Amino acid sequence: MGAIDVRFLTPGDIGLLRDIDRSEQLEVEYTVESGSLVSSKTSMYVPPWDPSGSGDHSVSHLIAFCSPHLDQGAQLLGAFDEEAIVGMALVEPSLHPGLGWLALLHVSNGRRRGGVGQTLWNAAASIAHDSGANALYVSATPTGSAVQFYLKQGCQLAGPDEIVEELFALEPDDVHLVCDLSSTQPGNDGRLS
């Protein structure tokens, strides 16, 4: 495994999502109760993307989710190990004035906890920061691995006045988080090529 290269992708590259293995054995999941994160044990297998169906966890559904955001100026990033894609992120640099949105971040099974997600996060945060955002909004899948990753990036549970209602309506079971970008410059190890 070589160094991770994060590249800007074109809307035509969105189909590369099918090459990212989203599978995972879940052991912890989160809910938000009375404004606090509550963890609970679980045992659930998340399968790879459905390559040919049209359900919520299919490649076609994910493409349909990403396409309008790309048409409106979101940036699609790919993390590559040589020429193999190992992760992807979609960042909307200015969802609202001063607020960017990390709409998607996936890292292939077998490549997690090795710096790929961190590199994509740094690149996405830099794009949002450079576009004038002082915070980045994340609607995280409520799994232990996802929520813990974002908490390590400095994200905090979104307060009632920080919830983006249109995103909450789309994903009410997600953990809605906000990361302050104004006090620190995002890391630069998410260099883009």
N, C-alpha and C. Protein backbone atom coordinates (compact mmCIF):
# COMPACT_ATOMS: atom_id res chain seq x y z
N MET A 1 0.84 -1.18 0.00
CA MET A 1 0.00 0.00 0.00
C MET A 1 0.88 1.24 0.00
N GLY A 2 0.59 2.11 -0.98
CA GLY A 2 1.38 3.32 -1.10
C GLY A 2 0.70 4.50 -0.44
N ALA A 3 1.25 5.67 -0.74
CA ALA A 3 0.67 6.90 -0.20
C ALA A 3 -0.68 7.15 -0.85
N ILE A 4 -1.58 7.75 -0.10
CA ILE A 4 -2.92 8.05 -0.60
C ILE A 4 -2.88 9.38 -1.34
N ASP A 5 -3.43 9.37 -2.53
CA ASP A 5 -3.51 10.55 -3.38
C ASP A 5 -4.98 10.94 -3.48
N VAL A 6 -5.33 12.14 -3.01
CA VAL A 6 -6.70 12.62 -3.11
C VAL A 6 -6.80 13.48 -4.36
N ARG A 7 -7.80 13.16 -5.19
CA ARG A 7 -7.97 13.85 -6.47
C ARG A 7 -9.39 14.41 -6.57
N PHE A 8 -9.49 15.57 -7.24
CA PHE A 8 -10.81 16.06 -7.63
C PHE A 8 -11.34 15.13 -8.70
N LEU A 9 -12.60 14.76 -8.59
CA LEU A 9 -13.24 13.93 -9.59
C LEU A 9 -14.31 14.74 -10.31
N THR A 10 -14.67 14.29 -11.49
CA THR A 10 -15.73 14.93 -12.25
C THR A 10 -17.05 14.24 -11.94
N PRO A 11 -18.17 14.88 -12.23
CA PRO A 11 -19.46 14.20 -12.04
C PRO A 11 -19.54 12.87 -12.77
N GLY A 12 -18.85 12.74 -13.87
CA GLY A 12 -18.84 11.47 -14.61
C GLY A 12 -18.12 10.35 -13.88
N ASP A 13 -17.35 10.69 -12.85
CA ASP A 13 -16.61 9.68 -12.08
C ASP A 13 -17.43 9.09 -10.93
N ILE A 14 -18.66 9.57 -10.73
CA ILE A 14 -19.45 9.14 -9.58
C ILE A 14 -19.66 7.63 -9.56
N GLY A 15 -19.65 6.99 -10.71
CA GLY A 15 -19.82 5.54 -10.78
C GLY A 15 -18.69 4.76 -10.12
N LEU A 16 -17.57 5.43 -9.83
CA LEU A 16 -16.48 4.77 -9.11
C LEU A 16 -16.91 4.31 -7.72
N LEU A 17 -18.03 4.85 -7.23
CA LEU A 17 -18.55 4.41 -5.93
C LEU A 17 -18.74 2.91 -5.88
N ARG A 18 -19.05 2.31 -7.02
CA ARG A 18 -19.29 0.85 -7.04
C ARG A 18 -18.04 0.07 -6.66
N ASP A 19 -16.88 0.70 -6.77
CA ASP A 19 -15.62 0.02 -6.44
C ASP A 19 -15.23 0.15 -4.96
N ILE A 20 -16.04 0.89 -4.19
CA ILE A 20 -15.76 1.05 -2.76
C ILE A 20 -16.60 0.02 -2.01
N ASP A 21 -15.92 -0.78 -1.21
CA ASP A 21 -16.58 -1.84 -0.44
C ASP A 21 -17.05 -1.27 0.89
N ARG A 22 -18.34 -1.00 1.00
CA ARG A 22 -18.90 -0.39 2.21
C ARG A 22 -19.19 -1.41 3.30
N SER A 23 -18.94 -2.68 3.05
CA SER A 23 -19.31 -3.72 4.01
C SER A 23 -18.61 -3.52 5.35
N GLU A 24 -19.33 -3.93 6.42
CA GLU A 24 -18.79 -3.74 7.77
C GLU A 24 -19.62 -4.57 8.75
N GLN A 25 -18.95 -5.11 9.73
CA GLN A 25 -19.64 -5.78 10.83
C GLN A 25 -19.79 -4.74 11.94
N LEU A 26 -21.04 -4.39 12.26
CA LEU A 26 -21.30 -3.37 13.26
C LEU A 26 -21.40 -3.98 14.65
N GLU A 27 -20.78 -3.31 15.60
CA GLU A 27 -20.83 -3.77 16.99
C GLU A 27 -21.42 -2.71 17.92
N VAL A 28 -21.39 -1.44 17.48
CA VAL A 28 -21.90 -0.33 18.28
C VAL A 28 -22.72 0.58 17.37
N GLU A 29 -23.84 1.03 17.89
CA GLU A 29 -24.63 2.03 17.17
C GLU A 29 -25.01 3.14 18.14
N TYR A 30 -25.32 4.30 17.60
CA TYR A 30 -25.64 5.47 18.41
C TYR A 30 -27.05 5.96 18.12
N THR A 31 -27.65 6.54 19.15
CA THR A 31 -28.87 7.31 19.02
C THR A 31 -28.65 8.62 19.76
N VAL A 32 -29.50 9.58 19.48
CA VAL A 32 -29.46 10.85 20.20
C VAL A 32 -30.73 10.90 21.05
N GLU A 33 -30.53 10.99 22.35
CA GLU A 33 -31.64 11.03 23.29
C GLU A 33 -31.47 12.22 24.22
N SER A 34 -32.46 13.07 24.24
CA SER A 34 -32.43 14.28 25.08
C SER A 34 -31.16 15.09 24.89
N GLY A 35 -30.71 15.20 23.64
CA GLY A 35 -29.54 16.01 23.33
C GLY A 35 -28.20 15.38 23.64
N SER A 36 -28.18 14.07 23.94
CA SER A 36 -26.92 13.37 24.24
C SER A 36 -26.77 12.14 23.37
N LEU A 37 -25.53 11.80 23.07
CA LEU A 37 -25.24 10.57 22.34
C LEU A 37 -25.35 9.38 23.28
N VAL A 38 -26.04 8.36 22.85
CA VAL A 38 -26.19 7.14 23.64
C VAL A 38 -25.74 5.98 22.75
N SER A 39 -24.78 5.20 23.25
CA SER A 39 -24.29 4.06 22.48
C SER A 39 -24.96 2.78 22.99
N SER A 40 -25.11 1.84 22.08
CA SER A 40 -25.63 0.53 22.46
C SER A 40 -24.94 -0.53 21.61
N LYS A 41 -24.87 -1.71 22.16
CA LYS A 41 -24.26 -2.82 21.43
C LYS A 41 -25.23 -3.32 20.39
N THR A 42 -24.69 -3.78 19.28
CA THR A 42 -25.48 -4.36 18.21
C THR A 42 -24.63 -5.42 17.54
N SER A 43 -25.22 -6.21 16.73
CA SER A 43 -24.49 -7.17 15.89
C SER A 43 -25.22 -7.22 14.57
N MET A 44 -24.67 -6.48 13.60
CA MET A 44 -25.32 -6.39 12.30
C MET A 44 -24.26 -6.31 11.21
N TYR A 45 -24.51 -6.99 10.13
CA TYR A 45 -23.60 -6.94 8.99
C TYR A 45 -24.16 -5.98 7.95
N VAL A 46 -23.33 -5.04 7.51
CA VAL A 46 -23.68 -4.12 6.43
C VAL A 46 -23.04 -4.68 5.16
N PRO A 47 -23.85 -5.06 4.17
CA PRO A 47 -23.29 -5.66 2.95
C PRO A 47 -22.70 -4.60 2.01
N PRO A 48 -21.96 -5.04 0.99
CA PRO A 48 -21.46 -4.10 -0.01
C PRO A 48 -22.63 -3.40 -0.73
N TRP A 49 -22.32 -2.36 -1.49
CA TRP A 49 -23.35 -1.70 -2.30
C TRP A 49 -24.01 -2.73 -3.21
N ASP A 50 -25.29 -2.57 -3.42
CA ASP A 50 -26.01 -3.39 -4.39
C ASP A 50 -25.66 -2.83 -5.77
N PRO A 51 -24.96 -3.60 -6.61
CA PRO A 51 -24.48 -3.05 -7.88
C PRO A 51 -25.56 -2.87 -8.95
N SER A 52 -26.68 -3.59 -8.83
CA SER A 52 -27.66 -3.53 -9.92
C SER A 52 -29.06 -3.11 -9.48
N GLY A 53 -29.33 -3.04 -8.20
CA GLY A 53 -30.67 -2.68 -7.73
C GLY A 53 -30.87 -1.18 -7.69
N SER A 54 -32.01 -0.79 -7.11
CA SER A 54 -32.33 0.64 -7.03
C SER A 54 -32.73 1.05 -5.61
N GLY A 55 -32.53 0.18 -4.62
CA GLY A 55 -32.88 0.48 -3.24
C GLY A 55 -31.92 1.46 -2.59
N ASP A 56 -32.18 1.74 -1.31
CA ASP A 56 -31.40 2.73 -0.57
C ASP A 56 -29.90 2.47 -0.56
N HIS A 57 -29.48 1.22 -0.61
CA HIS A 57 -28.06 0.88 -0.53
C HIS A 57 -27.51 0.37 -1.85
N SER A 58 -28.03 0.94 -2.92
CA SER A 58 -27.58 0.56 -4.26
C SER A 58 -26.70 1.66 -4.84
N VAL A 59 -25.89 1.28 -5.80
CA VAL A 59 -25.03 2.24 -6.50
C VAL A 59 -25.91 3.27 -7.20
N SER A 60 -26.99 2.84 -7.84
CA SER A 60 -27.84 3.79 -8.58
C SER A 60 -28.49 4.81 -7.63
N HIS A 61 -28.89 4.38 -6.44
CA HIS A 61 -29.48 5.31 -5.47
C HIS A 61 -28.44 6.34 -5.02
N LEU A 62 -27.21 5.89 -4.79
CA LEU A 62 -26.16 6.80 -4.36
C LEU A 62 -25.80 7.80 -5.46
N ILE A 63 -25.77 7.33 -6.69
CA ILE A 63 -25.51 8.24 -7.82
C ILE A 63 -26.62 9.28 -7.90
N ALA A 64 -27.87 8.84 -7.75
CA ALA A 64 -29.01 9.76 -7.79
C ALA A 64 -28.94 10.78 -6.65
N PHE A 65 -28.42 10.37 -5.48
CA PHE A 65 -28.24 11.29 -4.36
C PHE A 65 -27.17 12.34 -4.68
N CYS A 66 -26.05 11.89 -5.23
CA CYS A 66 -24.90 12.78 -5.45
C CYS A 66 -25.08 13.73 -6.62
N SER A 67 -25.71 13.28 -7.69
CA SER A 67 -25.76 14.04 -8.94
C SER A 67 -26.29 15.46 -8.80
N PRO A 68 -27.43 15.69 -8.14
CA PRO A 68 -27.90 17.08 -8.04
C PRO A 68 -26.95 17.98 -7.24
N HIS A 69 -26.28 17.41 -6.24
CA HIS A 69 -25.33 18.21 -5.45
C HIS A 69 -24.12 18.59 -6.30
N LEU A 70 -23.68 17.66 -7.13
CA LEU A 70 -22.57 17.97 -8.04
C LEU A 70 -22.99 19.04 -9.04
N ASP A 71 -24.22 18.97 -9.52
CA ASP A 71 -24.72 19.98 -10.46
C ASP A 71 -24.77 21.36 -9.82
N GLN A 72 -24.91 21.41 -8.48
CA GLN A 72 -25.00 22.69 -7.77
C GLN A 72 -23.67 23.14 -7.18
N GLY A 73 -22.56 22.45 -7.53
CA GLY A 73 -21.25 22.93 -7.12
C GLY A 73 -20.53 22.15 -6.05
N ALA A 74 -21.12 21.06 -5.59
CA ALA A 74 -20.40 20.23 -4.63
C ALA A 74 -19.15 19.65 -5.29
N GLN A 75 -18.15 19.34 -4.48
CA GLN A 75 -16.89 18.79 -4.97
C GLN A 75 -16.83 17.30 -4.64
N LEU A 76 -16.50 16.50 -5.63
CA LEU A 76 -16.34 15.06 -5.46
C LEU A 76 -14.85 14.76 -5.38
N LEU A 77 -14.46 14.05 -4.33
CA LEU A 77 -13.06 13.72 -4.09
C LEU A 77 -12.89 12.22 -4.09
N GLY A 78 -11.82 11.76 -4.67
CA GLY A 78 -11.49 10.34 -4.63
C GLY A 78 -10.13 10.15 -3.98
N ALA A 79 -10.03 9.13 -3.14
CA ALA A 79 -8.75 8.76 -2.53
C ALA A 79 -8.25 7.53 -3.26
N PHE A 80 -7.04 7.61 -3.77
CA PHE A 80 -6.47 6.55 -4.58
C PHE A 80 -5.18 6.02 -3.97
N ASP A 81 -5.02 4.72 -4.05
CA ASP A 81 -3.76 4.05 -3.77
C ASP A 81 -3.28 3.59 -5.13
N GLU A 82 -2.31 4.32 -5.66
CA GLU A 82 -1.92 4.20 -7.05
C GLU A 82 -3.16 4.49 -7.90
N GLU A 83 -3.67 3.53 -8.67
CA GLU A 83 -4.84 3.81 -9.49
C GLU A 83 -6.11 3.19 -8.94
N ALA A 84 -6.05 2.55 -7.78
CA ALA A 84 -7.22 1.93 -7.18
C ALA A 84 -7.92 2.92 -6.26
N ILE A 85 -9.20 3.13 -6.47
CA ILE A 85 -9.95 4.01 -5.58
C ILE A 85 -10.22 3.28 -4.27
N VAL A 86 -9.94 3.94 -3.16
CA VAL A 86 -10.12 3.33 -1.84
C VAL A 86 -11.03 4.17 -0.94
N GLY A 87 -11.44 5.34 -1.42
CA GLY A 87 -12.35 6.17 -0.66
C GLY A 87 -12.89 7.30 -1.51
N MET A 88 -14.02 7.86 -1.06
CA MET A 88 -14.65 8.94 -1.80
C MET A 88 -15.37 9.85 -0.82
N ALA A 89 -15.37 11.14 -1.14
CA ALA A 89 -16.08 12.13 -0.32
C ALA A 89 -16.78 13.11 -1.25
N LEU A 90 -17.89 13.63 -0.77
CA LEU A 90 -18.63 14.67 -1.46
C LEU A 90 -18.81 15.81 -0.47
N VAL A 91 -18.32 16.99 -0.83
CA VAL A 91 -18.42 18.15 0.07
C VAL A 91 -19.11 19.29 -0.66
N GLU A 92 -20.11 19.83 0.00
CA GLU A 92 -20.80 21.03 -0.45
C GLU A 92 -20.17 22.17 0.33
N PRO A 93 -19.29 22.98 -0.32
CA PRO A 93 -18.52 23.97 0.44
C PRO A 93 -19.36 25.06 1.09
N SER A 94 -20.52 25.39 0.52
CA SER A 94 -21.34 26.45 1.10
C SER A 94 -22.81 26.07 1.07
N LEU A 95 -23.17 25.17 1.96
CA LEU A 95 -24.57 24.77 2.07
C LEU A 95 -25.42 25.96 2.48
N HIS A 96 -24.95 26.69 3.48
CA HIS A 96 -25.55 27.94 3.96
C HIS A 96 -24.38 28.88 4.21
N PRO A 97 -24.62 30.19 4.31
CA PRO A 97 -23.50 31.09 4.59
C PRO A 97 -22.71 30.64 5.83
N GLY A 98 -21.41 30.44 5.63
CA GLY A 98 -20.53 30.04 6.72
C GLY A 98 -20.58 28.57 7.08
N LEU A 99 -21.39 27.77 6.37
CA LEU A 99 -21.56 26.36 6.71
C LEU A 99 -21.38 25.48 5.49
N GLY A 100 -20.36 24.59 5.55
CA GLY A 100 -20.18 23.57 4.53
C GLY A 100 -20.86 22.29 4.97
N TRP A 101 -20.96 21.33 4.07
CA TRP A 101 -21.62 20.06 4.37
C TRP A 101 -20.82 18.92 3.77
N LEU A 102 -20.40 18.01 4.63
CA LEU A 102 -19.79 16.77 4.16
C LEU A 102 -20.95 15.81 3.89
N ALA A 103 -21.33 15.70 2.63
CA ALA A 103 -22.52 14.93 2.25
C ALA A 103 -22.27 13.44 2.19
N LEU A 104 -21.02 13.05 2.02
CA LEU A 104 -20.69 11.63 1.87
C LEU A 104 -19.21 11.43 2.16
N LEU A 105 -18.89 10.37 2.84
CA LEU A 105 -17.50 9.93 3.01
C LEU A 105 -17.54 8.42 3.22
N HIS A 106 -16.95 7.71 2.27
CA HIS A 106 -16.88 6.24 2.36
C HIS A 106 -15.45 5.79 2.11
N VAL A 107 -15.00 4.84 2.90
CA VAL A 107 -13.68 4.23 2.74
C VAL A 107 -13.89 2.72 2.64
N SER A 108 -13.21 2.10 1.71
CA SER A 108 -13.36 0.66 1.50
C SER A 108 -12.94 -0.15 2.72
N ASN A 109 -13.71 -1.20 2.96
CA ASN A 109 -13.37 -2.16 4.00
C ASN A 109 -11.96 -2.67 3.70
N GLY A 110 -11.17 -2.82 4.71
CA GLY A 110 -9.78 -3.22 4.53
C GLY A 110 -8.83 -2.03 4.45
N ARG A 111 -9.39 -0.84 4.21
CA ARG A 111 -8.57 0.38 4.14
C ARG A 111 -8.93 1.36 5.24
N ARG A 112 -9.90 1.00 6.07
CA ARG A 112 -10.29 1.87 7.18
C ARG A 112 -9.24 1.83 8.28
N ARG A 113 -9.18 2.90 9.04
CA ARG A 113 -8.23 3.07 10.15
C ARG A 113 -6.77 3.05 9.68
N GLY A 114 -6.59 3.48 8.44
CA GLY A 114 -5.25 3.55 7.89
C GLY A 114 -4.91 4.91 7.32
N GLY A 115 -5.74 5.91 7.60
CA GLY A 115 -5.45 7.27 7.16
C GLY A 115 -6.23 7.74 5.95
N VAL A 116 -6.96 6.85 5.27
CA VAL A 116 -7.71 7.25 4.08
C VAL A 116 -8.82 8.23 4.45
N GLY A 117 -9.62 7.88 5.45
CA GLY A 117 -10.70 8.76 5.89
C GLY A 117 -10.18 10.10 6.38
N GLN A 118 -9.08 10.07 7.13
CA GLN A 118 -8.48 11.31 7.63
C GLN A 118 -8.04 12.20 6.48
N THR A 119 -7.44 11.61 5.47
CA THR A 119 -6.97 12.38 4.32
C THR A 119 -8.14 13.00 3.57
N LEU A 120 -9.21 12.22 3.37
CA LEU A 120 -10.40 12.77 2.72
C LEU A 120 -11.04 13.86 3.57
N TRP A 121 -11.14 13.63 4.88
CA TRP A 121 -11.70 14.65 5.78
C TRP A 121 -10.90 15.95 5.67
N ASN A 122 -9.58 15.86 5.75
CA ASN A 122 -8.74 17.06 5.68
C ASN A 122 -8.96 17.82 4.39
N ALA A 123 -9.04 17.09 3.28
CA ALA A 123 -9.26 17.74 1.98
C ALA A 123 -10.63 18.42 1.94
N ALA A 124 -11.67 17.72 2.41
CA ALA A 124 -13.02 18.28 2.39
C ALA A 124 -13.11 19.51 3.31
N ALA A 125 -12.53 19.41 4.50
CA ALA A 125 -12.54 20.54 5.43
C ALA A 125 -11.80 21.73 4.85
N SER A 126 -10.69 21.49 4.16
CA SER A 126 -9.93 22.58 3.54
C SER A 126 -10.74 23.26 2.44
N ILE A 127 -11.45 22.46 1.63
CA ILE A 127 -12.28 23.03 0.57
C ILE A 127 -13.37 23.91 1.18
N ALA A 128 -14.04 23.41 2.21
CA ALA A 128 -15.09 24.19 2.85
C ALA A 128 -14.52 25.46 3.48
N HIS A 129 -13.42 25.32 4.20
CA HIS A 129 -12.77 26.47 4.86
C HIS A 129 -12.35 27.51 3.83
N ASP A 130 -11.73 27.05 2.74
CA ASP A 130 -11.25 27.97 1.71
C ASP A 130 -12.40 28.66 0.97
N SER A 131 -13.60 28.07 1.06
CA SER A 131 -14.78 28.67 0.43
C SER A 131 -15.54 29.58 1.39
N GLY A 132 -14.98 29.79 2.58
CA GLY A 132 -15.58 30.71 3.53
C GLY A 132 -16.38 30.07 4.64
N ALA A 133 -16.43 28.75 4.69
CA ALA A 133 -17.17 28.09 5.77
C ALA A 133 -16.35 28.14 7.06
N ASN A 134 -17.03 28.43 8.16
CA ASN A 134 -16.35 28.36 9.45
C ASN A 134 -16.81 27.14 10.24
N ALA A 135 -17.70 26.34 9.62
CA ALA A 135 -18.14 25.08 10.23
C ALA A 135 -18.50 24.09 9.12
N LEU A 136 -18.40 22.82 9.46
CA LEU A 136 -18.73 21.75 8.53
C LEU A 136 -19.80 20.88 9.19
N TYR A 137 -20.89 20.67 8.48
CA TYR A 137 -22.02 19.87 8.98
C TYR A 137 -21.89 18.45 8.48
N VAL A 138 -22.16 17.50 9.36
CA VAL A 138 -22.08 16.08 9.01
C VAL A 138 -23.34 15.39 9.52
N SER A 139 -23.98 14.65 8.65
CA SER A 139 -25.10 13.79 9.04
C SER A 139 -24.55 12.37 8.98
N ALA A 140 -24.07 11.88 10.14
CA ALA A 140 -23.31 10.63 10.19
C ALA A 140 -24.23 9.42 10.36
N THR A 141 -23.93 8.38 9.60
CA THR A 141 -24.56 7.09 9.84
C THR A 141 -24.32 6.76 11.31
N PRO A 142 -25.33 6.27 12.03
CA PRO A 142 -25.18 6.12 13.48
C PRO A 142 -24.40 4.90 13.94
N THR A 143 -23.38 4.53 13.19
CA THR A 143 -22.53 3.40 13.57
C THR A 143 -21.39 3.87 14.46
N GLY A 144 -20.88 2.94 15.26
CA GLY A 144 -19.77 3.28 16.13
C GLY A 144 -18.58 3.81 15.38
N SER A 145 -18.23 3.16 14.28
CA SER A 145 -17.04 3.58 13.53
C SER A 145 -17.20 4.97 12.93
N ALA A 146 -18.37 5.26 12.36
CA ALA A 146 -18.58 6.57 11.73
C ALA A 146 -18.61 7.68 12.79
N VAL A 147 -19.42 7.51 13.81
CA VAL A 147 -19.56 8.56 14.82
C VAL A 147 -18.23 8.81 15.53
N GLN A 148 -17.52 7.75 15.89
CA GLN A 148 -16.23 7.93 16.57
C GLN A 148 -15.22 8.63 15.66
N PHE A 149 -15.24 8.32 14.36
CA PHE A 149 -14.34 9.00 13.42
C PHE A 149 -14.60 10.51 13.46
N TYR A 150 -15.87 10.91 13.34
CA TYR A 150 -16.17 12.34 13.28
C TYR A 150 -15.90 13.03 14.62
N LEU A 151 -16.15 12.36 15.71
CA LEU A 151 -15.82 12.95 17.00
C LEU A 151 -14.32 13.20 17.11
N LYS A 152 -13.50 12.30 16.58
CA LYS A 152 -12.05 12.49 16.60
C LYS A 152 -11.60 13.67 15.74
N GLN A 153 -12.44 14.05 14.78
CA GLN A 153 -12.11 15.20 13.93
C GLN A 153 -12.47 16.52 14.61
N GLY A 154 -13.10 16.44 15.77
CA GLY A 154 -13.50 17.63 16.49
C GLY A 154 -14.97 17.97 16.34
N CYS A 155 -15.73 17.11 15.67
CA CYS A 155 -17.17 17.34 15.53
C CYS A 155 -17.85 17.20 16.89
N GLN A 156 -18.92 17.95 17.05
CA GLN A 156 -19.74 17.87 18.25
C GLN A 156 -21.19 17.70 17.82
N LEU A 157 -21.97 17.12 18.68
CA LEU A 157 -23.38 16.94 18.41
C LEU A 157 -24.01 18.30 18.11
N ALA A 158 -24.74 18.38 17.01
CA ALA A 158 -25.39 19.63 16.64
C ALA A 158 -26.46 19.98 17.67
N GLY A 159 -26.42 21.21 18.12
CA GLY A 159 -27.45 21.68 19.05
C GLY A 159 -28.73 22.00 18.31
N PRO A 160 -29.81 22.24 19.02
CA PRO A 160 -31.10 22.50 18.38
C PRO A 160 -31.05 23.66 17.38
N ASP A 161 -30.26 24.68 17.67
CA ASP A 161 -30.16 25.82 16.76
C ASP A 161 -29.17 25.58 15.61
N GLU A 162 -28.46 24.45 15.64
CA GLU A 162 -27.49 24.13 14.58
C GLU A 162 -28.00 23.07 13.60
N ILE A 163 -29.07 22.39 13.94
CA ILE A 163 -29.62 21.35 13.08
C ILE A 163 -30.05 21.98 11.76
N VAL A 164 -29.63 21.39 10.65
CA VAL A 164 -30.09 21.82 9.33
C VAL A 164 -31.35 21.00 9.04
N GLU A 165 -32.49 21.66 9.13
CA GLU A 165 -33.77 20.96 9.09
C GLU A 165 -33.96 20.11 7.84
N GLU A 166 -33.54 20.61 6.67
CA GLU A 166 -33.74 19.83 5.44
C GLU A 166 -32.90 18.55 5.44
N LEU A 167 -31.74 18.58 6.09
CA LEU A 167 -30.91 17.37 6.18
C LEU A 167 -31.44 16.44 7.26
N PHE A 168 -31.91 17.00 8.36
CA PHE A 168 -32.50 16.18 9.41
C PHE A 168 -33.74 15.45 8.89
N ALA A 169 -34.53 16.13 8.07
CA ALA A 169 -35.73 15.51 7.51
C ALA A 169 -35.38 14.33 6.61
N LEU A 170 -34.25 14.43 5.91
CA LEU A 170 -33.81 13.33 5.03
C LEU A 170 -33.27 12.14 5.81
N GLU A 171 -32.58 12.41 6.91
CA GLU A 171 -31.90 11.37 7.69
C GLU A 171 -32.15 11.56 9.19
N PRO A 172 -33.38 11.37 9.65
CA PRO A 172 -33.67 11.64 11.06
C PRO A 172 -32.98 10.68 12.04
N ASP A 173 -32.56 9.50 11.57
CA ASP A 173 -31.88 8.56 12.45
C ASP A 173 -30.37 8.73 12.47
N ASP A 174 -29.84 9.59 11.60
CA ASP A 174 -28.41 9.87 11.60
C ASP A 174 -28.04 10.69 12.83
N VAL A 175 -26.76 10.74 13.10
CA VAL A 175 -26.23 11.59 14.18
C VAL A 175 -25.75 12.88 13.50
N HIS A 176 -26.40 13.98 13.81
CA HIS A 176 -26.11 15.26 13.16
C HIS A 176 -25.06 15.99 13.99
N LEU A 177 -23.95 16.30 13.33
CA LEU A 177 -22.77 16.85 13.97
C LEU A 177 -22.32 18.13 13.28
N VAL A 178 -21.59 18.95 14.01
CA VAL A 178 -20.99 20.16 13.45
C VAL A 178 -19.54 20.22 13.91
N CYS A 179 -18.66 20.59 12.98
CA CYS A 179 -17.25 20.77 13.31
C CYS A 179 -16.87 22.23 13.06
N ASP A 180 -16.35 22.87 14.07
CA ASP A 180 -15.91 24.26 13.98
C ASP A 180 -14.60 24.31 13.19
N LEU A 181 -14.61 25.02 12.07
CA LEU A 181 -13.41 25.17 11.25
C LEU A 181 -12.74 26.53 11.46
N SER A 182 -13.38 27.41 12.23
CA SER A 182 -12.86 28.78 12.33
C SER A 182 -11.66 28.91 13.25
N SER A 183 -11.56 28.03 14.25
CA SER A 183 -10.49 28.21 15.22
C SER A 183 -9.18 27.57 14.78
N THR A 184 -9.26 26.61 13.88
CA THR A 184 -8.03 25.96 13.41
C THR A 184 -8.10 25.79 11.90
N GLN A 185 -6.96 25.89 11.28
CA GLN A 185 -6.85 25.63 9.85
C GLN A 185 -6.85 24.12 9.68
N PRO A 186 -7.73 23.57 8.82
CA PRO A 186 -7.73 22.12 8.60
C PRO A 186 -6.34 21.65 8.19
N GLY A 187 -6.03 20.41 8.53
CA GLY A 187 -4.74 19.82 8.19
C GLY A 187 -4.47 19.85 6.70
N ASN A 188 -3.23 19.87 6.33
CA ASN A 188 -2.90 19.94 4.91
C ASN A 188 -2.45 18.60 4.34
N ASP A 189 -2.63 17.51 5.08
CA ASP A 189 -2.22 16.22 4.52
C ASP A 189 -3.31 15.63 3.63
N GLY A 190 -4.29 16.44 3.27
CA GLY A 190 -5.29 16.05 2.29
C GLY A 190 -5.03 16.78 0.99
N ARG A 191 -3.76 16.84 0.59
CA ARG A 191 -3.38 17.56 -0.63
C ARG A 191 -4.14 17.00 -1.83
N LEU A 192 -4.60 17.91 -2.67
CA LEU A 192 -5.39 17.53 -3.84
C LEU A 192 -4.55 17.61 -5.09
N SER A 193 -4.82 16.66 -5.98
CA SER A 193 -4.14 16.73 -7.28
C SER A 193 -5.16 16.73 -8.39
